[in-house]
Amino acid sequence: MTRARPRRPPGSGSGPHRLGESIGEVVDGLGGPAAAASLAVFRRWEEVVGPDVAAHVRPVRVTGTALVVAADHPAWATQVRVLAGALLARIEQLGVSAPDRIEVVVQRP
């Protein structure tokens, strides 16, 4: 019985290269457009929510049609819930498919 060789990512035959140069290929391999949207939101989180909110709220994951974020205090969780519509609109302005809703959990540091 012959073992299948592991599939190598496209462009991997050229030797080592920076992750930033091939992150698009990696993301496509991990989940396509949904993963790309998650990556864009995570990378530009402070731009989406502003520095004050970003200091207290962070994106955790995208599950189905929801962006799950963690707030470090219930007051910040409430603030994000109030701003959810505007935040989803800003995510859409990034040029990626925005989730349908934001789910907020409180995770104290």
PDB file of N, CA and C in Angstrom:
ATOM      1  N   MET A   1       0.837  -1.163   0.000  1.00  0.00           N
ATOM      2  CA  MET A   1       0.000   0.000   0.000  1.00  0.00           C
ATOM      3  C   MET A   1       0.893   1.242   0.000  1.00  0.00           C
ATOM      4  N   THR A   2       0.572   2.190  -0.840  1.00  0.00           N
ATOM      5  CA  THR A   2       1.356   3.414  -0.970  1.00  0.00           C
ATOM      6  C   THR A   2       0.710   4.527  -0.166  1.00  0.00           C
ATOM      7  N   ARG A   3       1.527   5.235   0.563  1.00  0.00           N
ATOM      8  CA  ARG A   3       1.012   6.376   1.330  1.00  0.00           C
ATOM      9  C   ARG A   3       0.948   7.603   0.443  1.00  0.00           C
ATOM     10  N   ALA A   4      -0.113   8.345   0.613  1.00  0.00           N
ATOM     11  CA  ALA A   4      -0.246   9.597  -0.137  1.00  0.00           C
ATOM     12  C   ALA A   4       0.706  10.624   0.455  1.00  0.00           C
ATOM     13  N   ARG A   5       1.344  11.364  -0.396  1.00  0.00           N
ATOM     14  CA  ARG A   5       2.230  12.432   0.069  1.00  0.00           C
ATOM     15  C   ARG A   5       1.399  13.631   0.480  1.00  0.00           C
ATOM     16  N   PRO A   6       1.821  14.310   1.525  1.00  0.00           N
ATOM     17  CA  PRO A   6       1.066  15.507   1.930  1.00  0.00           C
ATOM     18  C   PRO A   6       1.044  16.536   0.812  1.00  0.00           C
ATOM     19  N   ARG A   7      -0.082  17.165   0.664  1.00  0.00           N
ATOM     20  CA  ARG A   7      -0.216  18.196  -0.358  1.00  0.00           C
ATOM     21  C   ARG A   7       0.529  19.436   0.067  1.00  0.00           C
ATOM     22  N   ARG A   8       1.329  19.980  -0.810  1.00  0.00           N
ATOM     23  CA  ARG A   8       2.085  21.187  -0.510  1.00  0.00           C
ATOM     24  C   ARG A   8       1.309  22.392  -1.015  1.00  0.00           C
ATOM     25  N   PRO A   9       1.352  23.477  -0.281  1.00  0.00           N
ATOM     26  CA  PRO A   9       0.656  24.678  -0.727  1.00  0.00           C
ATOM     27  C   PRO A   9       1.240  25.202  -2.027  1.00  0.00           C
ATOM     28  N   PRO A  10       0.416  25.870  -2.847  1.00  0.00           N
ATOM     29  CA  PRO A  10       0.920  26.454  -4.085  1.00  0.00           C
ATOM     30  C   PRO A  10       2.080  27.390  -3.801  1.00  0.00           C
ATOM     31  N   GLY A  11       3.077  27.322  -4.643  1.00  0.00           N
ATOM     32  CA  GLY A  11       4.218  28.213  -4.526  1.00  0.00           C
ATOM     33  C   GLY A  11       5.217  27.787  -3.475  1.00  0.00           C
ATOM     34  N   SER A  12       4.999  26.623  -2.825  1.00  0.00           N
ATOM     35  CA  SER A  12       5.895  26.239  -1.747  1.00  0.00           C
ATOM     36  C   SER A  12       7.212  25.666  -2.252  1.00  0.00           C
ATOM     37  N   GLY A  13       7.281  25.333  -3.524  1.00  0.00           N
ATOM     38  CA  GLY A  13       8.499  24.754  -4.061  1.00  0.00           C
ATOM     39  C   GLY A  13       9.630  25.757  -4.219  1.00  0.00           C
ATOM     40  N   SER A  14       9.372  27.017  -4.043  1.00  0.00           N
ATOM     41  CA  SER A  14      10.392  28.041  -4.264  1.00  0.00           C
ATOM     42  C   SER A  14      11.195  28.350  -3.008  1.00  0.00           C
ATOM     43  N   GLY A  15      11.047  27.580  -1.966  1.00  0.00           N
ATOM     44  CA  GLY A  15      11.800  27.821  -0.741  1.00  0.00           C
ATOM     45  C   GLY A  15      11.021  28.677   0.231  1.00  0.00           C
ATOM     46  N   PRO A  16      11.668  29.021   1.328  1.00  0.00           N
ATOM     47  CA  PRO A  16      10.974  29.799   2.355  1.00  0.00           C
ATOM     48  C   PRO A  16      10.603  31.201   1.872  1.00  0.00           C
ATOM     49  N   HIS A  17       9.501  31.691   2.371  1.00  0.00           N
ATOM     50  CA  HIS A  17       9.080  33.058   2.082  1.00  0.00           C
ATOM     51  C   HIS A  17       8.229  33.553   3.240  1.00  0.00           C
ATOM     52  N   ARG A  18       8.022  34.836   3.287  1.00  0.00           N
ATOM     53  CA  ARG A  18       7.277  35.450   4.385  1.00  0.00           C
ATOM     54  C   ARG A  18       5.811  35.024   4.360  1.00  0.00           C
ATOM     55  N   LEU A  19       5.244  34.863   5.544  1.00  0.00           N
ATOM     56  CA  LEU A  19       3.845  34.484   5.662  1.00  0.00           C
ATOM     57  C   LEU A  19       2.942  35.511   4.997  1.00  0.00           C
ATOM     58  N   GLY A  20       3.277  36.785   5.149  1.00  0.00           N
ATOM     59  CA  GLY A  20       2.464  37.839   4.553  1.00  0.00           C
ATOM     60  C   GLY A  20       2.359  37.728   3.049  1.00  0.00           C
ATOM     61  N   GLU A  21       3.359  37.128   2.420  1.00  0.00           N
ATOM     62  CA  GLU A  21       3.350  36.960   0.965  1.00  0.00           C
ATOM     63  C   GLU A  21       2.410  35.850   0.530  1.00  0.00           C
ATOM     64  N   SER A  22       2.096  34.926   1.420  1.00  0.00           N
ATOM     65  CA  SER A  22       1.246  33.808   1.028  1.00  0.00           C
ATOM     66  C   SER A  22       0.024  33.633   1.914  1.00  0.00           C
ATOM     67  N   ILE A  23      -0.293  34.638   2.718  1.00  0.00           N
ATOM     68  CA  ILE A  23      -1.427  34.504   3.626  1.00  0.00           C
ATOM     69  C   ILE A  23      -2.732  34.276   2.867  1.00  0.00           C
ATOM     70  N   GLY A  24      -2.868  34.880   1.713  1.00  0.00           N
ATOM     71  CA  GLY A  24      -4.078  34.674   0.915  1.00  0.00           C
ATOM     72  C   GLY A  24      -4.272  33.214   0.556  1.00  0.00           C
ATOM     73  N   GLU A  25      -3.191  32.541   0.167  1.00  0.00           N
ATOM     74  CA  GLU A  25      -3.272  31.118  -0.162  1.00  0.00           C
ATOM     75  C   GLU A  25      -3.617  30.297   1.065  1.00  0.00           C
ATOM     76  N   VAL A  26      -3.020  30.651   2.200  1.00  0.00           N
ATOM     77  CA  VAL A  26      -3.297  29.938   3.445  1.00  0.00           C
ATOM     78  C   VAL A  26      -4.759  30.091   3.822  1.00  0.00           C
ATOM     79  N   VAL A  27      -5.259  31.315   3.767  1.00  0.00           N
ATOM     80  CA  VAL A  27      -6.654  31.577   4.120  1.00  0.00           C
ATOM     81  C   VAL A  27      -7.593  30.831   3.186  1.00  0.00           C
ATOM     82  N   ASP A  28      -7.311  30.854   1.897  1.00  0.00           N
ATOM     83  CA  ASP A  28      -8.155  30.117   0.953  1.00  0.00           C
ATOM     84  C   ASP A  28      -8.206  28.644   1.306  1.00  0.00           C
ATOM     85  N   GLY A  29      -7.070  28.100   1.727  1.00  0.00           N
ATOM     86  CA  GLY A  29      -7.015  26.695   2.093  1.00  0.00           C
ATOM     87  C   GLY A  29      -7.748  26.384   3.386  1.00  0.00           C
ATOM     88  N   LEU A  30      -7.934  27.379   4.228  1.00  0.00           N
ATOM     89  CA  LEU A  30      -8.590  27.173   5.515  1.00  0.00           C
ATOM     90  C   LEU A  30     -10.080  27.450   5.513  1.00  0.00           C
ATOM     91  N   GLY A  31     -10.591  28.035   4.475  1.00  0.00           N
ATOM     92  CA  GLY A  31     -12.020  28.295   4.516  1.00  0.00           C
ATOM     93  C   GLY A  31     -12.509  29.305   3.518  1.00  0.00           C
ATOM     94  N   GLY A  32     -11.692  29.714   2.600  1.00  0.00           N
ATOM     95  CA  GLY A  32     -12.122  30.578   1.523  1.00  0.00           C
ATOM     96  C   GLY A  32     -12.584  31.945   1.977  1.00  0.00           C
ATOM     97  N   PRO A  33     -13.637  32.467   1.357  1.00  0.00           N
ATOM     98  CA  PRO A  33     -14.085  33.835   1.612  1.00  0.00           C
ATOM     99  C   PRO A  33     -14.455  34.117   3.058  1.00  0.00           C
ATOM    100  N   ALA A  34     -15.071  33.169   3.742  1.00  0.00           N
ATOM    101  CA  ALA A  34     -15.446  33.406   5.141  1.00  0.00           C
ATOM    102  C   ALA A  34     -14.196  33.613   5.987  1.00  0.00           C
ATOM    103  N   ALA A  35     -13.177  32.805   5.745  1.00  0.00           N
ATOM    104  CA  ALA A  35     -11.929  32.958   6.493  1.00  0.00           C
ATOM    105  C   ALA A  35     -11.247  34.268   6.125  1.00  0.00           C
ATOM    106  N   ALA A  36     -11.321  34.648   4.861  1.00  0.00           N
ATOM    107  CA  ALA A  36     -10.722  35.915   4.431  1.00  0.00           C
ATOM    108  C   ALA A  36     -11.424  37.092   5.103  1.00  0.00           C
ATOM    109  N   ALA A  37     -12.744  37.012   5.217  1.00  0.00           N
ATOM    110  CA  ALA A  37     -13.494  38.071   5.889  1.00  0.00           C
ATOM    111  C   ALA A  37     -13.088  38.155   7.356  1.00  0.00           C
ATOM    112  N   SER A  38     -12.951  37.005   8.006  1.00  0.00           N
ATOM    113  CA  SER A  38     -12.527  36.989   9.408  1.00  0.00           C
ATOM    114  C   SER A  38     -11.164  37.620   9.563  1.00  0.00           C
ATOM    115  N   LEU A  39     -10.254  37.253   8.695  1.00  0.00           N
ATOM    116  CA  LEU A  39      -8.900  37.787   8.771  1.00  0.00           C
ATOM    117  C   LEU A  39      -8.911  39.303   8.604  1.00  0.00           C
ATOM    118  N   ALA A  40      -9.689  39.807   7.664  1.00  0.00           N
ATOM    119  CA  ALA A  40      -9.763  41.254   7.444  1.00  0.00           C
ATOM    120  C   ALA A  40     -10.305  41.966   8.675  1.00  0.00           C
ATOM    121  N   VAL A  41     -11.317  41.406   9.300  1.00  0.00           N
ATOM    122  CA  VAL A  41     -11.904  42.019  10.494  1.00  0.00           C
ATOM    123  C   VAL A  41     -10.895  41.995  11.639  1.00  0.00           C
ATOM    124  N   PHE A  42     -10.210  40.873  11.824  1.00  0.00           N
ATOM    125  CA  PHE A  42      -9.246  40.753  12.917  1.00  0.00           C
ATOM    126  C   PHE A  42      -8.075  41.708  12.712  1.00  0.00           C
ATOM    127  N   ARG A  43      -7.579  41.801  11.509  1.00  0.00           N
ATOM    128  CA  ARG A  43      -6.440  42.679  11.226  1.00  0.00           C
ATOM    129  C   ARG A  43      -6.783  44.151  11.406  1.00  0.00           C
ATOM    130  N   ARG A  44      -8.006  44.526  11.077  1.00  0.00           N
ATOM    131  CA  ARG A  44      -8.383  45.937  11.067  1.00  0.00           C
ATOM    132  C   ARG A  44      -9.381  46.274  12.163  1.00  0.00           C
ATOM    133  N   TRP A  45      -9.384  45.495  13.230  1.00  0.00           N
ATOM    134  CA  TRP A  45     -10.345  45.659  14.296  1.00  0.00           C
ATOM    135  C   TRP A  45     -10.349  47.074  14.870  1.00  0.00           C
ATOM    136  N   GLU A  46      -9.169  47.615  15.179  1.00  0.00           N
ATOM    137  CA  GLU A  46      -9.109  48.957  15.759  1.00  0.00           C
ATOM    138  C   GLU A  46      -9.668  49.993  14.787  1.00  0.00           C
ATOM    139  N   GLU A  47      -9.446  49.790  13.505  1.00  0.00           N
ATOM    140  CA  GLU A  47     -10.001  50.701  12.495  1.00  0.00           C
ATOM    141  C   GLU A  47     -11.529  50.618  12.481  1.00  0.00           C
ATOM    142  N   VAL A  48     -12.064  49.429  12.682  1.00  0.00           N
ATOM    143  CA  VAL A  48     -13.515  49.230  12.673  1.00  0.00           C
ATOM    144  C   VAL A  48     -14.167  49.865  13.897  1.00  0.00           C
ATOM    145  N   VAL A  49     -13.609  49.621  15.080  1.00  0.00           N
ATOM    146  CA  VAL A  49     -14.279  50.040  16.315  1.00  0.00           C
ATOM    147  C   VAL A  49     -13.697  51.283  16.960  1.00  0.00           C
ATOM    148  N   GLY A  50     -12.502  51.674  16.566  1.00  0.00           N
ATOM    149  CA  GLY A  50     -11.836  52.804  17.192  1.00  0.00           C
ATOM    150  C   GLY A  50     -10.960  52.337  18.348  1.00  0.00           C
ATOM    151  N   PRO A  51      -9.972  53.153  18.718  1.00  0.00           N
ATOM    152  CA  PRO A  51      -9.008  52.731  19.731  1.00  0.00           C
ATOM    153  C   PRO A  51      -9.599  52.537  21.126  1.00  0.00           C
ATOM    154  N   ASP A  52     -10.596  53.334  21.497  1.00  0.00           N
ATOM    155  CA  ASP A  52     -11.182  53.201  22.836  1.00  0.00           C
ATOM    156  C   ASP A  52     -11.885  51.854  23.008  1.00  0.00           C
ATOM    157  N   VAL A  53     -12.714  51.504  22.032  1.00  0.00           N
ATOM    158  CA  VAL A  53     -13.424  50.218  22.105  1.00  0.00           C
ATOM    159  C   VAL A  53     -12.429  49.066  21.946  1.00  0.00           C
ATOM    160  N   ALA A  54     -11.483  49.200  21.024  1.00  0.00           N
ATOM    161  CA  ALA A  54     -10.508  48.125  20.781  1.00  0.00           C
ATOM    162  C   ALA A  54      -9.680  47.808  22.018  1.00  0.00           C
ATOM    163  N   ALA A  55      -9.514  48.773  22.910  1.00  0.00           N
ATOM    164  CA  ALA A  55      -8.764  48.534  24.139  1.00  0.00           C
ATOM    165  C   ALA A  55      -9.522  47.617  25.102  1.00  0.00           C
ATOM    166  N   HIS A  56     -10.843  47.452  24.887  1.00  0.00           N
ATOM    167  CA  HIS A  56     -11.666  46.677  25.806  1.00  0.00           C
ATOM    168  C   HIS A  56     -12.444  45.537  25.158  1.00  0.00           C
ATOM    169  N   VAL A  57     -12.471  45.511  23.834  1.00  0.00           N
ATOM    170  CA  VAL A  57     -13.254  44.511  23.114  1.00  0.00           C
ATOM    171  C   VAL A  57     -12.395  43.964  21.984  1.00  0.00           C
ATOM    172  N   ARG A  58     -12.378  42.631  21.844  1.00  0.00           N
ATOM    173  CA  ARG A  58     -11.577  42.028  20.775  1.00  0.00           C
ATOM    174  C   ARG A  58     -12.400  40.980  20.025  1.00  0.00           C
ATOM    175  N   PRO A  59     -12.139  40.826  18.739  1.00  0.00           N
ATOM    176  CA  PRO A  59     -12.827  39.774  17.998  1.00  0.00           C
ATOM    177  C   PRO A  59     -12.280  38.415  18.411  1.00  0.00           C
ATOM    178  N   VAL A  60     -13.164  37.436  18.504  1.00  0.00           N
ATOM    179  CA  VAL A  60     -12.757  36.099  18.919  1.00  0.00           C
ATOM    180  C   VAL A  60     -12.834  35.125  17.756  1.00  0.00           C
ATOM    181  N   ARG A  61     -13.979  35.119  17.070  1.00  0.00           N
ATOM    182  CA  ARG A  61     -14.156  34.187  15.945  1.00  0.00           C
ATOM    183  C   ARG A  61     -15.388  34.591  15.142  1.00  0.00           C
ATOM    184  N   VAL A  62     -15.473  34.037  13.970  1.00  0.00           N
ATOM    185  CA  VAL A  62     -16.679  34.166  13.164  1.00  0.00           C
ATOM    186  C   VAL A  62     -17.274  32.770  13.083  1.00  0.00           C
ATOM    187  N   THR A  63     -18.519  32.651  13.516  1.00  0.00           N
ATOM    188  CA  THR A  63     -19.202  31.359  13.481  1.00  0.00           C
ATOM    189  C   THR A  63     -20.458  31.521  12.655  1.00  0.00           C
ATOM    190  N   GLY A  64     -20.516  30.846  11.537  1.00  0.00           N
ATOM    191  CA  GLY A  64     -21.680  30.976  10.669  1.00  0.00           C
ATOM    192  C   GLY A  64     -21.858  32.409  10.232  1.00  0.00           C
ATOM    193  N   THR A  65     -22.921  33.033  10.699  1.00  0.00           N
ATOM    194  CA  THR A  65     -23.212  34.408  10.298  1.00  0.00           C
ATOM    195  C   THR A  65     -22.974  35.409  11.420  1.00  0.00           C
ATOM    196  N   ALA A  66     -22.287  34.991  12.484  1.00  0.00           N
ATOM    197  CA  ALA A  66     -22.070  35.877  13.632  1.00  0.00           C
ATOM    198  C   ALA A  66     -20.585  36.136  13.860  1.00  0.00           C
ATOM    199  N   LEU A  67     -20.288  37.369  14.200  1.00  0.00           N
ATOM    200  CA  LEU A  67     -18.962  37.738  14.675  1.00  0.00           C
ATOM    201  C   LEU A  67     -19.044  37.722  16.197  1.00  0.00           C
ATOM    202  N   VAL A  68     -18.239  36.877  16.817  1.00  0.00           N
ATOM    203  CA  VAL A  68     -18.220  36.783  18.276  1.00  0.00           C
ATOM    204  C   VAL A  68     -17.078  37.655  18.780  1.00  0.00           C
ATOM    205  N   VAL A  69     -17.399  38.554  19.713  1.00  0.00           N
ATOM    206  CA  VAL A  69     -16.391  39.435  20.298  1.00  0.00           C
ATOM    207  C   VAL A  69     -16.419  39.271  21.815  1.00  0.00           C
ATOM    208  N   ALA A  70     -15.278  39.526  22.439  1.00  0.00           N
ATOM    209  CA  ALA A  70     -15.164  39.434  23.892  1.00  0.00           C
ATOM    210  C   ALA A  70     -14.896  40.819  24.451  1.00  0.00           C
ATOM    211  N   ALA A  71     -15.701  41.208  25.433  1.00  0.00           N
ATOM    212  CA  ALA A  71     -15.524  42.484  26.123  1.00  0.00           C
ATOM    213  C   ALA A  71     -14.982  42.201  27.517  1.00  0.00           C
ATOM    214  N   ASP A  72     -14.155  43.113  28.022  1.00  0.00           N
ATOM    215  CA  ASP A  72     -13.557  42.891  29.340  1.00  0.00           C
ATOM    216  C   ASP A  72     -14.424  43.394  30.498  1.00  0.00           C
ATOM    217  N   HIS A  73     -15.585  43.968  30.180  1.00  0.00           N
ATOM    218  CA  HIS A  73     -16.481  44.471  31.224  1.00  0.00           C
ATOM    219  C   HIS A  73     -17.895  44.543  30.647  1.00  0.00           C
ATOM    220  N   PRO A  74     -18.914  44.299  31.465  1.00  0.00           N
ATOM    221  CA  PRO A  74     -20.288  44.358  30.959  1.00  0.00           C
ATOM    222  C   PRO A  74     -20.656  45.695  30.313  1.00  0.00           C
ATOM    223  N   ALA A  75     -20.096  46.792  30.800  1.00  0.00           N
ATOM    224  CA  ALA A  75     -20.409  48.097  30.200  1.00  0.00           C
ATOM    225  C   ALA A  75     -19.919  48.162  28.754  1.00  0.00           C
ATOM    226  N   TRP A  76     -18.741  47.596  28.484  1.00  0.00           N
ATOM    227  CA  TRP A  76     -18.232  47.583  27.110  1.00  0.00           C
ATOM    228  C   TRP A  76     -19.044  46.633  26.241  1.00  0.00           C
ATOM    229  N   ALA A  77     -19.526  45.553  26.821  1.00  0.00           N
ATOM    230  CA  ALA A  77     -20.391  44.638  26.072  1.00  0.00           C
ATOM    231  C   ALA A  77     -21.666  45.358  25.644  1.00  0.00           C
ATOM    232  N   THR A  78     -22.238  46.129  26.553  1.00  0.00           N
ATOM    233  CA  THR A  78     -23.437  46.897  26.232  1.00  0.00           C
ATOM    234  C   THR A  78     -23.148  47.912  25.129  1.00  0.00           C
ATOM    235  N   GLN A  79     -22.019  48.579  25.224  1.00  0.00           N
ATOM    236  CA  GLN A  79     -21.643  49.573  24.210  1.00  0.00           C
ATOM    237  C   GLN A  79     -21.569  48.933  22.821  1.00  0.00           C
ATOM    238  N   VAL A  80     -20.966  47.765  22.739  1.00  0.00           N
ATOM    239  CA  VAL A  80     -20.854  47.087  21.438  1.00  0.00           C
ATOM    240  C   VAL A  80     -22.224  46.669  20.934  1.00  0.00           C
ATOM    241  N   ARG A  81     -23.083  46.217  21.818  1.00  0.00           N
ATOM    242  CA  ARG A  81     -24.444  45.846  21.394  1.00  0.00           C
ATOM    243  C   ARG A  81     -25.181  47.047  20.822  1.00  0.00           C
ATOM    244  N   VAL A  82     -25.001  48.206  21.433  1.00  0.00           N
ATOM    245  CA  VAL A  82     -25.636  49.433  20.947  1.00  0.00           C
ATOM    246  C   VAL A  82     -25.077  49.826  19.583  1.00  0.00           C
ATOM    247  N   LEU A  83     -23.778  49.642  19.412  1.00  0.00           N
ATOM    248  CA  LEU A  83     -23.103  50.043  18.166  1.00  0.00           C
ATOM    249  C   LEU A  83     -23.099  48.964  17.087  1.00  0.00           C
ATOM    250  N   ALA A  84     -23.685  47.815  17.345  1.00  0.00           N
ATOM    251  CA  ALA A  84     -23.564  46.666  16.448  1.00  0.00           C
ATOM    252  C   ALA A  84     -23.899  46.997  14.993  1.00  0.00           C
ATOM    253  N   GLY A  85     -24.988  47.681  14.744  1.00  0.00           N
ATOM    254  CA  GLY A  85     -25.374  48.016  13.363  1.00  0.00           C
ATOM    255  C   GLY A  85     -24.318  48.852  12.663  1.00  0.00           C
ATOM    256  N   ALA A  86     -23.806  49.857  13.357  1.00  0.00           N
ATOM    257  CA  ALA A  86     -22.771  50.718  12.772  1.00  0.00           C
ATOM    258  C   ALA A  86     -21.476  49.951  12.549  1.00  0.00           C
ATOM    259  N   LEU A  87     -21.133  49.049  13.480  1.00  0.00           N
ATOM    260  CA  LEU A  87     -19.911  48.263  13.324  1.00  0.00           C
ATOM    261  C   LEU A  87     -20.006  47.308  12.139  1.00  0.00           C
ATOM    262  N   LEU A  88     -21.162  46.693  11.962  1.00  0.00           N
ATOM    263  CA  LEU A  88     -21.354  45.809  10.810  1.00  0.00           C
ATOM    264  C   LEU A  88     -21.254  46.595   9.500  1.00  0.00           C
ATOM    265  N   ALA A  89     -21.763  47.819   9.497  1.00  0.00           N
ATOM    266  CA  ALA A  89     -21.649  48.666   8.302  1.00  0.00           C
ATOM    267  C   ALA A  89     -20.187  49.004   8.022  1.00  0.00           C
ATOM    268  N   ARG A  90     -19.410  49.272   9.054  1.00  0.00           N
ATOM    269  CA  ARG A  90     -17.981  49.567   8.862  1.00  0.00           C
ATOM    270  C   ARG A  90     -17.237  48.349   8.327  1.00  0.00           C
ATOM    271  N   ILE A  91     -17.595  47.170   8.839  1.00  0.00           N
ATOM    272  CA  ILE A  91     -16.971  45.941   8.334  1.00  0.00           C
ATOM    273  C   ILE A  91     -17.271  45.785   6.855  1.00  0.00           C
ATOM    274  N   GLU A  92     -18.491  46.063   6.475  1.00  0.00           N
ATOM    275  CA  GLU A  92     -18.896  45.986   5.063  1.00  0.00           C
ATOM    276  C   GLU A  92     -18.062  46.953   4.225  1.00  0.00           C
ATOM    277  N   GLN A  93     -17.735  48.117   4.777  1.00  0.00           N
ATOM    278  CA  GLN A  93     -16.926  49.107   4.061  1.00  0.00           C
ATOM    279  C   GLN A  93     -15.499  48.628   3.825  1.00  0.00           C
ATOM    280  N   LEU A  94     -15.064  47.606   4.552  1.00  0.00           N
ATOM    281  CA  LEU A  94     -13.730  47.044   4.334  1.00  0.00           C
ATOM    282  C   LEU A  94     -13.653  46.281   3.017  1.00  0.00           C
ATOM    283  N   GLY A  95     -14.818  46.067   2.417  1.00  0.00           N
ATOM    284  CA  GLY A  95     -14.843  45.336   1.156  1.00  0.00           C
ATOM    285  C   GLY A  95     -14.957  43.836   1.349  1.00  0.00           C
ATOM    286  N   VAL A  96     -15.344  43.427   2.542  1.00  0.00           N
ATOM    287  CA  VAL A  96     -15.539  41.999   2.803  1.00  0.00           C
ATOM    288  C   VAL A  96     -16.984  41.766   3.197  1.00  0.00           C
ATOM    289  N   SER A  97     -17.404  40.544   3.095  1.00  0.00           N
ATOM    290  CA  SER A  97     -18.768  40.196   3.460  1.00  0.00           C
ATOM    291  C   SER A  97     -18.907  40.246   4.978  1.00  0.00           C
ATOM    292  N   ALA A  98     -19.729  41.141   5.462  1.00  0.00           N
ATOM    293  CA  ALA A  98     -19.907  41.298   6.908  1.00  0.00           C
ATOM    294  C   ALA A  98     -20.817  40.208   7.441  1.00  0.00           C
ATOM    295  N   PRO A  99     -20.581  39.798   8.687  1.00  0.00           N
ATOM    296  CA  PRO A  99     -21.517  38.860   9.319  1.00  0.00           C
ATOM    297  C   PRO A  99     -22.880  39.517   9.475  1.00  0.00           C
ATOM    298  N   ASP A 100     -23.895  38.727   9.763  1.00  0.00           N
ATOM    299  CA  ASP A 100     -25.244  39.263   9.947  1.00  0.00           C
ATOM    300  C   ASP A 100     -25.444  39.913  11.304  1.00  0.00           C
ATOM    301  N   ARG A 101     -24.673  39.460  12.286  1.00  0.00           N
ATOM    302  CA  ARG A 101     -24.870  39.972  13.639  1.00  0.00           C
ATOM    303  C   ARG A 101     -23.575  39.871  14.430  1.00  0.00           C
ATOM    304  N   ILE A 102     -23.555  40.556  15.562  1.00  0.00           N
ATOM    305  CA  ILE A 102     -22.427  40.499  16.485  1.00  0.00           C
ATOM    306  C   ILE A 102     -22.921  39.888  17.791  1.00  0.00           C
ATOM    307  N   GLU A 103     -22.217  38.867  18.253  1.00  0.00           N
ATOM    308  CA  GLU A 103     -22.499  38.272  19.555  1.00  0.00           C
ATOM    309  C   GLU A 103     -21.411  38.734  20.510  1.00  0.00           C
ATOM    310  N   VAL A 104     -21.812  39.159  21.687  1.00  0.00           N
ATOM    311  CA  VAL A 104     -20.853  39.706  22.661  1.00  0.00           C
ATOM    312  C   VAL A 104     -20.819  38.809  23.885  1.00  0.00           C
ATOM    313  N   VAL A 105     -19.617  38.455  24.306  1.00  0.00           N
ATOM    314  CA  VAL A 105     -19.429  37.719  25.560  1.00  0.00           C
ATOM    315  C   VAL A 105     -18.530  38.567  26.449  1.00  0.00           C
ATOM    316  N   VAL A 106     -18.681  38.411  27.745  1.00  0.00           N
ATOM    317  CA  VAL A 106     -17.825  39.124  28.690  1.00  0.00           C
ATOM    318  C   VAL A 106     -16.765  38.146  29.186  1.00  0.00           C
ATOM    319  N   GLN A 107     -15.513  38.542  28.996  1.00  0.00           N
ATOM    320  CA  GLN A 107     -14.375  37.757  29.478  1.00  0.00           C
ATOM    321  C   GLN A 107     -13.447  38.698  30.209  1.00  0.00           C
ATOM    322  N   ARG A 108     -13.506  38.652  31.499  1.00  0.00           N
ATOM    323  CA  ARG A 108     -12.664  39.552  32.295  1.00  0.00           C
ATOM    324  C   ARG A 108     -11.207  39.120  32.177  1.00  0.00           C
ATOM    325  N   PRO A 109     -10.304  40.115  32.182  1.00  0.00           N
ATOM    326  CA  PRO A 109      -8.877  39.778  32.052  1.00  0.00           C
ATOM    327  C   PRO A 109      -8.345  38.991  33.237  1.00  0.00           C
TER     328      PRO A 109
END
